[in-house]
Amino acid sequence: MLKEYIQAALKYAVFDPMEGEFFCYVPQLQGAWAKGPTQAQCLIELGEVLEEWILFGLKMGQSIPAIDGLNFDFVEMSDDVEAA
C-alpha cells in the first residue's frame, strides 16, 4: 500500500529548476519536498522523503491526503469482529 501510494503521488510531482539543481514536491502533500542535481534524482529523493513523511504523519495521528483513491484511513473494528 505504501509503495503504491508513493508511486501515485510521484505522478503529481512539480519540478522547479534552481541554481544547478532541481527542487520538487507534490502540491497535495504539504511539507514534503526534495532536491537533486537532475529531475530523475530529485524524483528518487522525493520518493524517499515521502515514505518518511507518510510514516511520521501516521505515527503522529495526522491525516494523509488521498491520492488517486488511495488513502490511509483505518476502519475501527468492533469488539465482535476482534473476538472472532
N, C-alpha and C. Protein backbone atom coordinates (compact mmCIF):
# COMPACT_ATOMS: atom_id res chain seq x y z
N MET A 1 0.81 -1.19 0.00
CA MET A 1 0.00 0.00 0.00
C MET A 1 0.86 1.26 0.00
N LEU A 2 1.89 1.28 0.82
CA LEU A 2 2.77 2.45 0.92
C LEU A 2 3.45 2.71 -0.42
N LYS A 3 3.98 1.66 -1.02
CA LYS A 3 4.68 1.80 -2.30
C LYS A 3 3.72 2.29 -3.39
N GLU A 4 2.51 1.76 -3.43
CA GLU A 4 1.52 2.18 -4.42
C GLU A 4 1.16 3.65 -4.24
N TYR A 5 0.99 4.06 -2.99
CA TYR A 5 0.64 5.44 -2.69
C TYR A 5 1.77 6.39 -3.15
N ILE A 6 3.00 6.03 -2.84
CA ILE A 6 4.14 6.87 -3.22
C ILE A 6 4.24 6.97 -4.74
N GLN A 7 4.08 5.86 -5.44
CA GLN A 7 4.13 5.89 -6.90
C GLN A 7 3.03 6.79 -7.46
N ALA A 8 1.84 6.71 -6.89
CA ALA A 8 0.73 7.56 -7.33
C ALA A 8 1.06 9.03 -7.07
N ALA A 9 1.60 9.32 -5.90
CA ALA A 9 1.93 10.70 -5.54
C ALA A 9 3.00 11.28 -6.45
N LEU A 10 3.98 10.47 -6.81
CA LEU A 10 5.09 10.97 -7.64
C LEU A 10 4.62 11.40 -9.03
N LYS A 11 3.48 10.90 -9.48
CA LYS A 11 2.95 11.33 -10.77
C LYS A 11 2.55 12.81 -10.75
N TYR A 12 2.34 13.35 -9.56
CA TYR A 12 1.92 14.74 -9.43
C TYR A 12 3.07 15.67 -9.04
N ALA A 13 4.28 15.16 -9.09
CA ALA A 13 5.44 15.96 -8.69
C ALA A 13 5.59 17.18 -9.60
N VAL A 14 5.91 18.28 -8.97
CA VAL A 14 6.16 19.55 -9.66
C VAL A 14 7.64 19.84 -9.50
N PHE A 15 8.28 20.21 -10.61
CA PHE A 15 9.72 20.50 -10.60
C PHE A 15 9.96 21.98 -10.81
N ASP A 16 10.85 22.52 -10.01
CA ASP A 16 11.28 23.91 -10.17
C ASP A 16 12.80 23.90 -10.29
N PRO A 17 13.33 24.32 -11.43
CA PRO A 17 14.79 24.39 -11.55
C PRO A 17 15.35 25.48 -10.64
N MET A 18 16.45 25.15 -10.00
CA MET A 18 17.14 26.11 -9.15
C MET A 18 18.57 26.22 -9.68
N GLU A 19 19.40 26.92 -9.02
CA GLU A 19 20.79 27.10 -9.46
C GLU A 19 21.52 25.76 -9.46
N GLY A 20 21.61 25.14 -10.63
CA GLY A 20 22.37 23.90 -10.77
C GLY A 20 21.69 22.65 -10.25
N GLU A 21 20.45 22.74 -9.81
CA GLU A 21 19.74 21.56 -9.34
C GLU A 21 18.24 21.76 -9.48
N PHE A 22 17.49 20.74 -9.12
CA PHE A 22 16.03 20.79 -9.20
C PHE A 22 15.43 20.66 -7.82
N PHE A 23 14.32 21.32 -7.62
CA PHE A 23 13.51 21.26 -6.41
C PHE A 23 12.19 20.63 -6.84
N CYS A 24 11.68 19.65 -6.09
CA CYS A 24 10.41 19.04 -6.46
C CYS A 24 9.56 18.76 -5.22
N TYR A 25 8.25 18.72 -5.47
CA TYR A 25 7.29 18.50 -4.40
C TYR A 25 5.98 18.02 -5.01
N VAL A 26 5.09 17.52 -4.16
CA VAL A 26 3.74 17.14 -4.57
C VAL A 26 2.81 18.13 -3.88
N PRO A 27 2.10 18.95 -4.64
CA PRO A 27 1.27 20.01 -4.04
C PRO A 27 0.29 19.53 -2.98
N GLN A 28 -0.26 18.34 -3.13
CA GLN A 28 -1.23 17.82 -2.17
C GLN A 28 -0.60 17.44 -0.82
N LEU A 29 0.72 17.27 -0.80
CA LEU A 29 1.40 16.79 0.41
C LEU A 29 2.32 17.87 0.95
N GLN A 30 1.74 18.78 1.69
CA GLN A 30 2.47 19.94 2.20
C GLN A 30 3.63 19.54 3.10
N GLY A 31 4.77 20.15 2.86
CA GLY A 31 5.93 19.93 3.70
C GLY A 31 6.85 18.83 3.21
N ALA A 32 6.45 18.09 2.19
CA ALA A 32 7.29 17.03 1.64
C ALA A 32 7.92 17.55 0.34
N TRP A 33 9.24 17.67 0.33
CA TRP A 33 9.94 18.18 -0.84
C TRP A 33 11.33 17.57 -0.90
N ALA A 34 11.96 17.70 -2.04
CA ALA A 34 13.33 17.18 -2.21
C ALA A 34 14.04 18.03 -3.25
N LYS A 35 15.34 17.85 -3.33
CA LYS A 35 16.12 18.50 -4.38
C LYS A 35 17.20 17.53 -4.84
N GLY A 36 17.63 17.72 -6.07
CA GLY A 36 18.65 16.87 -6.64
C GLY A 36 19.26 17.51 -7.87
N PRO A 37 20.38 16.96 -8.33
CA PRO A 37 21.09 17.55 -9.47
C PRO A 37 20.36 17.37 -10.81
N THR A 38 19.47 16.37 -10.89
CA THR A 38 18.68 16.14 -12.10
C THR A 38 17.23 15.90 -11.68
N GLN A 39 16.32 15.96 -12.65
CA GLN A 39 14.92 15.67 -12.33
C GLN A 39 14.77 14.23 -11.85
N ALA A 40 15.48 13.31 -12.48
CA ALA A 40 15.38 11.90 -12.09
C ALA A 40 15.86 11.70 -10.65
N GLN A 41 16.98 12.29 -10.30
CA GLN A 41 17.50 12.14 -8.93
C GLN A 41 16.58 12.83 -7.93
N CYS A 42 16.04 13.95 -8.32
CA CYS A 42 15.12 14.67 -7.45
C CYS A 42 13.89 13.81 -7.16
N LEU A 43 13.39 13.12 -8.17
CA LEU A 43 12.23 12.26 -8.01
C LEU A 43 12.53 11.07 -7.09
N ILE A 44 13.73 10.51 -7.22
CA ILE A 44 14.14 9.41 -6.34
C ILE A 44 14.19 9.90 -4.89
N GLU A 45 14.79 11.05 -4.70
CA GLU A 45 14.87 11.64 -3.36
C GLU A 45 13.49 11.91 -2.80
N LEU A 46 12.59 12.43 -3.64
CA LEU A 46 11.24 12.73 -3.19
C LEU A 46 10.51 11.47 -2.76
N GLY A 47 10.72 10.37 -3.46
CA GLY A 47 10.11 9.10 -3.06
C GLY A 47 10.54 8.68 -1.67
N GLU A 48 11.82 8.85 -1.37
CA GLU A 48 12.34 8.52 -0.04
C GLU A 48 11.78 9.47 1.02
N VAL A 49 11.69 10.73 0.69
CA VAL A 49 11.12 11.72 1.62
C VAL A 49 9.66 11.39 1.91
N LEU A 50 8.92 11.04 0.86
CA LEU A 50 7.50 10.75 1.04
C LEU A 50 7.28 9.56 1.97
N GLU A 51 8.12 8.55 1.86
CA GLU A 51 7.98 7.40 2.75
C GLU A 51 8.11 7.83 4.21
N GLU A 52 9.13 8.59 4.51
CA GLU A 52 9.32 9.08 5.88
C GLU A 52 8.20 10.03 6.30
N TRP A 53 7.79 10.91 5.39
CA TRP A 53 6.74 11.89 5.67
C TRP A 53 5.43 11.19 6.02
N ILE A 54 5.07 10.15 5.26
CA ILE A 54 3.84 9.40 5.50
C ILE A 54 3.91 8.66 6.83
N LEU A 55 4.99 7.94 7.06
CA LEU A 55 5.12 7.15 8.29
C LEU A 55 5.11 8.05 9.52
N PHE A 56 5.80 9.18 9.45
CA PHE A 56 5.81 10.10 10.58
C PHE A 56 4.42 10.68 10.81
N GLY A 57 3.76 11.05 9.72
CA GLY A 57 2.41 11.60 9.83
C GLY A 57 1.45 10.61 10.47
N LEU A 58 1.53 9.35 10.05
CA LEU A 58 0.66 8.33 10.64
C LEU A 58 0.97 8.13 12.12
N LYS A 59 2.25 8.12 12.46
CA LYS A 59 2.64 7.95 13.86
C LYS A 59 2.11 9.09 14.72
N MET A 60 2.07 10.30 14.15
CA MET A 60 1.61 11.47 14.89
C MET A 60 0.09 11.62 14.83
N GLY A 61 -0.60 10.69 14.14
CA GLY A 61 -2.04 10.74 14.06
C GLY A 61 -2.59 11.75 13.06
N GLN A 62 -1.73 12.19 12.14
CA GLN A 62 -2.16 13.17 11.15
C GLN A 62 -2.88 12.47 10.00
N SER A 63 -3.76 13.20 9.37
CA SER A 63 -4.47 12.69 8.20
C SER A 63 -3.58 12.82 6.97
N ILE A 64 -3.48 11.75 6.20
CA ILE A 64 -2.70 11.75 4.97
C ILE A 64 -3.69 11.90 3.81
N PRO A 65 -3.53 12.93 2.97
CA PRO A 65 -4.49 13.14 1.88
C PRO A 65 -4.57 11.94 0.92
N ALA A 66 -5.75 11.65 0.44
CA ALA A 66 -5.93 10.59 -0.54
C ALA A 66 -5.36 11.04 -1.88
N ILE A 67 -4.76 10.10 -2.59
CA ILE A 67 -4.25 10.36 -3.93
C ILE A 67 -4.70 9.22 -4.81
N ASP A 68 -5.35 9.55 -5.90
CA ASP A 68 -5.87 8.56 -6.85
C ASP A 68 -6.68 7.46 -6.15
N GLY A 69 -7.46 7.84 -5.16
CA GLY A 69 -8.30 6.88 -4.45
C GLY A 69 -7.57 6.07 -3.39
N LEU A 70 -6.28 6.28 -3.24
CA LEU A 70 -5.50 5.57 -2.21
C LEU A 70 -5.43 6.44 -0.97
N ASN A 71 -5.68 5.82 0.19
CA ASN A 71 -5.61 6.59 1.43
C ASN A 71 -5.18 5.68 2.58
N PHE A 72 -4.95 6.30 3.69
CA PHE A 72 -4.53 5.58 4.90
C PHE A 72 -5.58 5.69 5.99
N ASP A 73 -6.84 5.80 5.60
CA ASP A 73 -7.92 5.82 6.58
C ASP A 73 -8.12 4.41 7.10
N PHE A 74 -8.05 4.26 8.40
CA PHE A 74 -8.21 2.95 9.00
C PHE A 74 -9.61 2.85 9.60
N VAL A 75 -10.23 1.74 9.38
CA VAL A 75 -11.56 1.50 9.90
C VAL A 75 -11.42 0.82 11.25
N GLU A 76 -12.07 1.40 12.25
CA GLU A 76 -12.04 0.81 13.58
C GLU A 76 -12.89 -0.45 13.60
N MET A 77 -12.35 -1.50 14.16
CA MET A 77 -13.08 -2.76 14.21
C MET A 77 -13.87 -2.83 15.52
N SER A 78 -15.06 -3.40 15.45
CA SER A 78 -15.88 -3.53 16.64
C SER A 78 -15.34 -4.68 17.49
N ASP A 79 -15.75 -4.74 18.74
CA ASP A 79 -15.31 -5.81 19.64
C ASP A 79 -15.76 -7.17 19.13
N ASP A 80 -16.91 -7.24 18.46
CA ASP A 80 -17.40 -8.51 17.93
C ASP A 80 -16.44 -9.06 16.87
N VAL A 81 -15.91 -8.19 16.01
CA VAL A 81 -15.00 -8.63 14.95
C VAL A 81 -13.68 -9.07 15.56
N GLU A 82 -13.17 -8.33 16.53
CA GLU A 82 -11.91 -8.66 17.15
C GLU A 82 -11.98 -10.00 17.88
N ALA A 83 -13.10 -10.32 18.45
CA ALA A 83 -13.24 -11.57 19.21
C ALA A 83 -13.34 -12.79 18.30
N ALA A 84 -13.70 -12.59 17.05
CA ALA A 84 -13.91 -13.72 16.14
C ALA A 84 -12.65 -14.44 15.77
